[in-house]
Every structure is written in C-alpha cells, then in structure tokens.
Amino acid sequence: VQLQASGGGLVQAGRSLRLRCVASVSTFGNRALGWYRQAPGKQRELVAIFRSDGSARYGDSVKGRFTISRDNGKNEVYLQMYSLKSEDTAVYYCYLDDGLNDYWGRGTQVTVSS
C-alpha cells in the first residue's frame, strides 16, 4: 500500500491550504483513513480521520477549521485547512488502517508564517 500526500507549502497565517492523498488501494471500507501531523519536537497527533462507519473525527486543535473529505472513485482523501495558525506548522501524514495493518505516507510539510 502506498500513500502519496501533496499540497503542502508555505502559507501566511489566516490563509487556507488543501492537502491531497492518493492511495494505491481502495479508500472505501477501511477501518480508518485520514491525516496525522507531527511538529518538530512533538509527538505525532491526530488531525482528522474517517472511521469505519464513515464518520469523521477531528483533533481538538483543528475542529471547526479543518475539513476532511474523500473521493472513493479516485482513491483520494483530502484535508481542507482554513484559518491556518503558526501552530499548524508540521509534517502532515496520510494514514490508512485496513484492519490488518497501518500504513503511512511520506508526509508533506506545511509551514504557516505569522
């Protein structure tokens, strides 16, 4: 399984950015599918994921600002980020749990300048 994330970059605080992850397998019916992030010196944390029932779960720090979506026909999952803050600076990783194994993409860097 390969997960290829893209869309990261340097953006000013308050602006928006959209991340995209392309999976080499179907994005339908997985136990979990979504995004985590890791800032320098910090542990990896949940950003947003789809659970097996299709519902979305968000990390507390991004609720109301980020939106996860997906296109199962394209095997893609997206993360729309609004009102970005400097504390959103991190490497963002695409994640998939197919019920047997966990898979991680290589990550895409998001840097928010204040």
N, C-alpha and C. Protein backbone atom coordinates (compact mmCIF):
# COMPACT_ATOMS: atom_id res chain seq x y z
N VAL A 1 0.85 -1.19 0.00
CA VAL A 1 0.00 0.00 0.00
C VAL A 1 0.89 1.24 0.00
N GLN A 2 0.60 2.14 -0.90
CA GLN A 2 1.33 3.41 -0.94
C GLN A 2 0.36 4.56 -0.78
N LEU A 3 0.81 5.55 -0.01
CA LEU A 3 0.02 6.76 0.21
C LEU A 3 0.90 7.94 -0.18
N GLN A 4 0.43 8.72 -1.11
CA GLN A 4 1.21 9.84 -1.61
C GLN A 4 0.49 11.14 -1.28
N ALA A 5 1.06 11.88 -0.35
CA ALA A 5 0.47 13.15 0.07
C ALA A 5 1.12 14.30 -0.69
N SER A 6 0.32 15.32 -0.96
CA SER A 6 0.81 16.51 -1.63
C SER A 6 -0.02 17.71 -1.21
N GLY A 7 0.45 18.90 -1.60
CA GLY A 7 -0.32 20.10 -1.33
C GLY A 7 0.24 20.97 -0.24
N GLY A 8 1.27 20.50 0.44
CA GLY A 8 1.87 21.30 1.48
C GLY A 8 2.61 22.50 0.92
N GLY A 9 3.05 23.36 1.81
CA GLY A 9 3.80 24.52 1.37
C GLY A 9 3.88 25.56 2.47
N LEU A 10 4.34 26.73 2.06
CA LEU A 10 4.46 27.87 2.98
C LEU A 10 3.26 28.79 2.76
N VAL A 11 2.58 29.12 3.85
CA VAL A 11 1.39 29.95 3.75
C VAL A 11 1.34 30.90 4.93
N GLN A 12 0.74 32.05 4.73
CA GLN A 12 0.61 33.01 5.81
C GLN A 12 -0.51 32.61 6.76
N ALA A 13 -0.37 33.01 7.99
CA ALA A 13 -1.41 32.75 8.97
C ALA A 13 -2.73 33.36 8.51
N GLY A 14 -3.79 32.61 8.75
CA GLY A 14 -5.11 33.06 8.35
C GLY A 14 -5.54 32.58 6.98
N ARG A 15 -4.59 32.07 6.19
CA ARG A 15 -4.90 31.60 4.86
C ARG A 15 -5.32 30.13 4.89
N SER A 16 -5.60 29.62 3.70
CA SER A 16 -6.08 28.24 3.57
C SER A 16 -5.12 27.42 2.73
N LEU A 17 -5.24 26.10 2.90
CA LEU A 17 -4.43 25.17 2.13
C LEU A 17 -5.20 23.87 2.04
N ARG A 18 -5.01 23.15 0.94
CA ARG A 18 -5.69 21.88 0.77
C ARG A 18 -4.66 20.79 0.49
N LEU A 19 -4.70 19.77 1.31
CA LEU A 19 -3.82 18.63 1.12
C LEU A 19 -4.58 17.51 0.41
N ARG A 20 -3.82 16.73 -0.32
CA ARG A 20 -4.40 15.62 -1.07
C ARG A 20 -3.55 14.38 -0.84
N CYS A 21 -4.20 13.26 -0.69
CA CYS A 21 -3.50 11.98 -0.54
C CYS A 21 -4.10 10.99 -1.52
N VAL A 22 -3.24 10.39 -2.32
CA VAL A 22 -3.66 9.37 -3.26
C VAL A 22 -3.21 8.02 -2.73
N ALA A 23 -4.14 7.10 -2.62
CA ALA A 23 -3.83 5.75 -2.13
C ALA A 23 -3.74 4.77 -3.29
N SER A 24 -2.87 3.77 -3.13
CA SER A 24 -2.71 2.76 -4.17
C SER A 24 -3.75 1.65 -4.04
N VAL A 25 -4.60 1.75 -2.99
CA VAL A 25 -5.66 0.78 -2.78
C VAL A 25 -6.97 1.55 -2.59
N SER A 26 -8.03 0.82 -2.54
CA SER A 26 -9.33 1.46 -2.36
C SER A 26 -9.40 2.18 -1.03
N THR A 27 -9.98 3.36 -1.05
CA THR A 27 -10.19 4.12 0.18
C THR A 27 -11.55 3.81 0.80
N PHE A 28 -12.26 2.86 0.22
CA PHE A 28 -13.58 2.50 0.71
C PHE A 28 -13.48 1.34 1.68
N GLY A 29 -14.20 1.47 2.80
CA GLY A 29 -14.31 0.33 3.71
C GLY A 29 -13.14 0.09 4.62
N ASN A 30 -12.25 1.05 4.78
CA ASN A 30 -11.12 0.88 5.69
C ASN A 30 -11.53 1.16 7.13
N ARG A 31 -10.75 0.63 8.04
CA ARG A 31 -11.02 0.89 9.46
C ARG A 31 -10.81 2.36 9.78
N ALA A 32 -9.76 2.95 9.17
CA ALA A 32 -9.50 4.37 9.37
C ALA A 32 -8.74 4.90 8.18
N LEU A 33 -8.99 6.14 7.86
CA LEU A 33 -8.33 6.80 6.73
C LEU A 33 -8.29 8.28 7.02
N GLY A 34 -7.11 8.86 6.93
CA GLY A 34 -7.08 10.29 7.17
C GLY A 34 -5.70 10.86 7.35
N TRP A 35 -5.59 11.79 8.29
CA TRP A 35 -4.40 12.62 8.42
C TRP A 35 -3.95 12.73 9.87
N TYR A 36 -2.63 12.65 10.03
CA TYR A 36 -1.96 12.96 11.28
C TYR A 36 -0.90 14.01 10.96
N ARG A 37 -0.36 14.61 12.00
CA ARG A 37 0.73 15.56 11.80
C ARG A 37 1.74 15.45 12.93
N GLN A 38 2.95 15.92 12.61
CA GLN A 38 3.99 15.93 13.62
C GLN A 38 4.81 17.20 13.48
N ALA A 39 4.80 17.97 14.54
CA ALA A 39 5.59 19.19 14.59
C ALA A 39 6.95 18.88 15.20
N PRO A 40 7.95 19.70 14.93
CA PRO A 40 9.29 19.46 15.48
C PRO A 40 9.25 19.36 17.00
N GLY A 41 9.85 18.31 17.53
CA GLY A 41 9.93 18.12 18.96
C GLY A 41 8.65 17.65 19.62
N LYS A 42 7.64 17.34 18.80
CA LYS A 42 6.37 16.90 19.37
C LYS A 42 5.99 15.53 18.84
N GLN A 43 5.06 14.89 19.54
CA GLN A 43 4.57 13.59 19.10
C GLN A 43 3.59 13.76 17.94
N ARG A 44 3.48 12.72 17.17
CA ARG A 44 2.50 12.71 16.08
C ARG A 44 1.10 12.77 16.68
N GLU A 45 0.25 13.59 16.09
CA GLU A 45 -1.09 13.75 16.62
C GLU A 45 -2.14 13.64 15.53
N LEU A 46 -3.32 13.26 15.96
CA LEU A 46 -4.45 13.14 15.05
C LEU A 46 -4.85 14.52 14.53
N VAL A 47 -5.08 14.60 13.25
CA VAL A 47 -5.67 15.79 12.65
C VAL A 47 -7.13 15.50 12.31
N ALA A 48 -7.34 14.55 11.43
CA ALA A 48 -8.70 14.19 11.03
C ALA A 48 -8.67 12.82 10.37
N ILE A 49 -9.62 11.99 10.72
CA ILE A 49 -9.74 10.69 10.08
C ILE A 49 -11.19 10.34 9.83
N PHE A 50 -11.39 9.49 8.85
CA PHE A 50 -12.67 8.82 8.66
C PHE A 50 -12.60 7.49 9.39
N ARG A 51 -13.65 7.20 10.13
CA ARG A 51 -13.72 5.91 10.80
C ARG A 51 -14.46 4.92 9.92
N SER A 52 -14.50 3.67 10.35
CA SER A 52 -15.08 2.62 9.51
C SER A 52 -16.55 2.84 9.20
N ASP A 53 -17.23 3.58 10.09
CA ASP A 53 -18.66 3.84 9.85
C ASP A 53 -18.88 5.05 8.95
N GLY A 54 -17.76 5.64 8.50
CA GLY A 54 -17.85 6.79 7.61
C GLY A 54 -17.85 8.13 8.31
N SER A 55 -17.95 8.11 9.62
CA SER A 55 -17.95 9.37 10.35
C SER A 55 -16.54 9.93 10.45
N ALA A 56 -16.45 11.22 10.62
CA ALA A 56 -15.15 11.90 10.72
C ALA A 56 -14.86 12.25 12.17
N ARG A 57 -13.61 12.12 12.50
CA ARG A 57 -13.15 12.50 13.84
C ARG A 57 -12.03 13.52 13.65
N TYR A 58 -12.06 14.59 14.44
CA TYR A 58 -11.08 15.65 14.33
C TYR A 58 -10.31 15.83 15.64
N GLY A 59 -9.06 16.23 15.49
CA GLY A 59 -8.30 16.61 16.66
C GLY A 59 -8.87 17.91 17.23
N ASP A 60 -8.76 18.07 18.53
CA ASP A 60 -9.36 19.23 19.19
C ASP A 60 -8.83 20.56 18.64
N SER A 61 -7.57 20.57 18.29
CA SER A 61 -6.96 21.83 17.88
C SER A 61 -7.37 22.27 16.48
N VAL A 62 -8.01 21.41 15.71
CA VAL A 62 -8.39 21.78 14.34
C VAL A 62 -9.90 21.79 14.12
N LYS A 63 -10.65 21.42 15.13
CA LYS A 63 -12.11 21.39 14.97
C LYS A 63 -12.64 22.76 14.56
N GLY A 64 -13.50 22.76 13.57
CA GLY A 64 -14.08 24.00 13.10
C GLY A 64 -13.23 24.73 12.08
N ARG A 65 -11.99 24.30 11.88
CA ARG A 65 -11.11 24.96 10.92
C ARG A 65 -10.72 24.04 9.76
N PHE A 66 -10.64 22.76 10.03
CA PHE A 66 -10.22 21.79 9.01
C PHE A 66 -11.40 20.90 8.65
N THR A 67 -11.40 20.46 7.40
CA THR A 67 -12.44 19.54 6.92
C THR A 67 -11.81 18.42 6.12
N ILE A 68 -12.15 17.20 6.48
CA ILE A 68 -11.67 16.03 5.74
C ILE A 68 -12.75 15.59 4.77
N SER A 69 -12.31 15.16 3.60
CA SER A 69 -13.25 14.63 2.61
C SER A 69 -12.52 13.57 1.79
N ARG A 70 -13.27 12.86 0.99
CA ARG A 70 -12.63 11.83 0.17
C ARG A 70 -13.43 11.58 -1.10
N ASP A 71 -12.73 10.99 -2.04
CA ASP A 71 -13.34 10.56 -3.30
C ASP A 71 -12.94 9.10 -3.49
N ASN A 72 -13.83 8.20 -3.15
CA ASN A 72 -13.50 6.78 -3.23
C ASN A 72 -13.28 6.33 -4.68
N GLY A 73 -13.90 7.02 -5.60
CA GLY A 73 -13.71 6.67 -7.01
C GLY A 73 -12.29 6.91 -7.48
N LYS A 74 -11.64 7.89 -6.85
CA LYS A 74 -10.26 8.22 -7.20
C LYS A 74 -9.26 7.69 -6.17
N ASN A 75 -9.75 7.07 -5.12
CA ASN A 75 -8.89 6.60 -4.02
C ASN A 75 -8.09 7.76 -3.44
N GLU A 76 -8.78 8.84 -3.18
CA GLU A 76 -8.13 10.03 -2.66
C GLU A 76 -8.84 10.53 -1.40
N VAL A 77 -8.06 11.10 -0.52
CA VAL A 77 -8.59 11.76 0.67
C VAL A 77 -7.95 13.14 0.75
N TYR A 78 -8.74 14.10 1.22
CA TYR A 78 -8.32 15.49 1.22
C TYR A 78 -8.43 16.09 2.62
N LEU A 79 -7.66 17.12 2.82
CA LEU A 79 -7.75 17.88 4.05
C LEU A 79 -7.77 19.36 3.68
N GLN A 80 -8.92 19.97 3.85
CA GLN A 80 -9.04 21.40 3.61
C GLN A 80 -8.80 22.12 4.92
N MET A 81 -7.81 22.99 4.89
CA MET A 81 -7.41 23.68 6.12
C MET A 81 -7.70 25.17 5.95
N TYR A 82 -8.47 25.71 6.86
CA TYR A 82 -8.81 27.13 6.86
C TYR A 82 -8.21 27.79 8.10
N SER A 83 -8.12 29.12 8.02
CA SER A 83 -7.67 29.90 9.18
C SER A 83 -6.42 29.32 9.82
N LEU A 84 -5.43 29.06 8.99
CA LEU A 84 -4.22 28.42 9.48
C LEU A 84 -3.50 29.28 10.50
N LYS A 85 -2.90 28.60 11.46
CA LYS A 85 -2.16 29.25 12.53
C LYS A 85 -0.72 28.76 12.51
N SER A 86 0.16 29.50 13.14
CA SER A 86 1.56 29.09 13.18
C SER A 86 1.71 27.72 13.84
N GLU A 87 0.85 27.43 14.79
CA GLU A 87 0.93 26.14 15.48
C GLU A 87 0.47 24.97 14.61
N ASP A 88 -0.04 25.25 13.43
CA ASP A 88 -0.38 24.18 12.49
C ASP A 88 0.84 23.73 11.69
N THR A 89 1.95 24.43 11.86
CA THR A 89 3.18 24.04 11.17
C THR A 89 3.60 22.64 11.59
N ALA A 90 3.75 21.77 10.61
CA ALA A 90 4.09 20.37 10.89
C ALA A 90 4.25 19.63 9.57
N VAL A 91 4.72 18.41 9.68
CA VAL A 91 4.65 17.48 8.56
C VAL A 91 3.33 16.73 8.68
N TYR A 92 2.57 16.74 7.62
CA TYR A 92 1.26 16.09 7.61
C TYR A 92 1.37 14.75 6.89
N TYR A 93 0.87 13.72 7.57
CA TYR A 93 0.98 12.36 7.07
C TYR A 93 -0.40 11.79 6.75
N CYS A 94 -0.46 11.16 5.61
CA CYS A 94 -1.66 10.41 5.26
C CYS A 94 -1.59 9.04 5.94
N TYR A 95 -2.71 8.54 6.39
CA TYR A 95 -2.75 7.31 7.19
C TYR A 95 -3.91 6.44 6.74
N LEU A 96 -3.66 5.15 6.71
CA LEU A 96 -4.71 4.19 6.36
C LEU A 96 -4.56 2.94 7.21
N ASP A 97 -5.66 2.52 7.77
CA ASP A 97 -5.72 1.26 8.54
C ASP A 97 -6.73 0.38 7.83
N ASP A 98 -6.24 -0.72 7.25
CA ASP A 98 -7.16 -1.58 6.51
C ASP A 98 -7.70 -2.72 7.37
N GLY A 99 -7.45 -2.64 8.65
CA GLY A 99 -7.93 -3.66 9.57
C GLY A 99 -6.90 -4.75 9.85
N LEU A 100 -5.87 -4.79 9.03
CA LEU A 100 -4.78 -5.75 9.22
C LEU A 100 -3.48 -5.02 9.54
N ASN A 101 -3.25 -3.94 8.85
CA ASN A 101 -2.01 -3.18 9.02
C ASN A 101 -2.29 -1.67 8.97
N ASP A 102 -1.33 -0.93 9.53
CA ASP A 102 -1.33 0.53 9.43
C ASP A 102 -0.36 0.94 8.33
N TYR A 103 -0.74 1.96 7.58
CA TYR A 103 0.13 2.45 6.52
C TYR A 103 0.25 3.97 6.64
N TRP A 104 1.46 4.44 6.39
CA TRP A 104 1.75 5.87 6.47
C TRP A 104 2.37 6.35 5.18
N GLY A 105 1.96 7.53 4.75
CA GLY A 105 2.62 8.16 3.62
C GLY A 105 3.89 8.84 4.10
N ARG A 106 4.63 9.44 3.17
CA ARG A 106 5.91 10.08 3.50
C ARG A 106 5.73 11.44 4.11
N GLY A 107 4.58 12.03 3.99
CA GLY A 107 4.34 13.32 4.61
C GLY A 107 4.56 14.48 3.68
N THR A 108 3.87 15.56 3.99
CA THR A 108 4.04 16.81 3.25
C THR A 108 4.14 17.94 4.26
N GLN A 109 5.11 18.80 4.06
CA GLN A 109 5.39 19.86 5.03
C GLN A 109 4.43 21.03 4.84
N VAL A 110 3.85 21.45 5.94
CA VAL A 110 3.04 22.66 5.97
C VAL A 110 3.71 23.64 6.92
N THR A 111 4.02 24.82 6.42
CA THR A 111 4.64 25.85 7.24
C THR A 111 3.77 27.09 7.20
N VAL A 112 3.35 27.53 8.37
CA VAL A 112 2.49 28.71 8.48
C VAL A 112 3.30 29.84 9.10
N SER A 113 3.43 30.91 8.36
CA SER A 113 4.19 32.06 8.86
C SER A 113 3.25 33.06 9.51
N SER A 114 3.70 33.61 10.59
CA SER A 114 2.85 34.57 11.33
C SER A 114 3.14 36.00 10.90
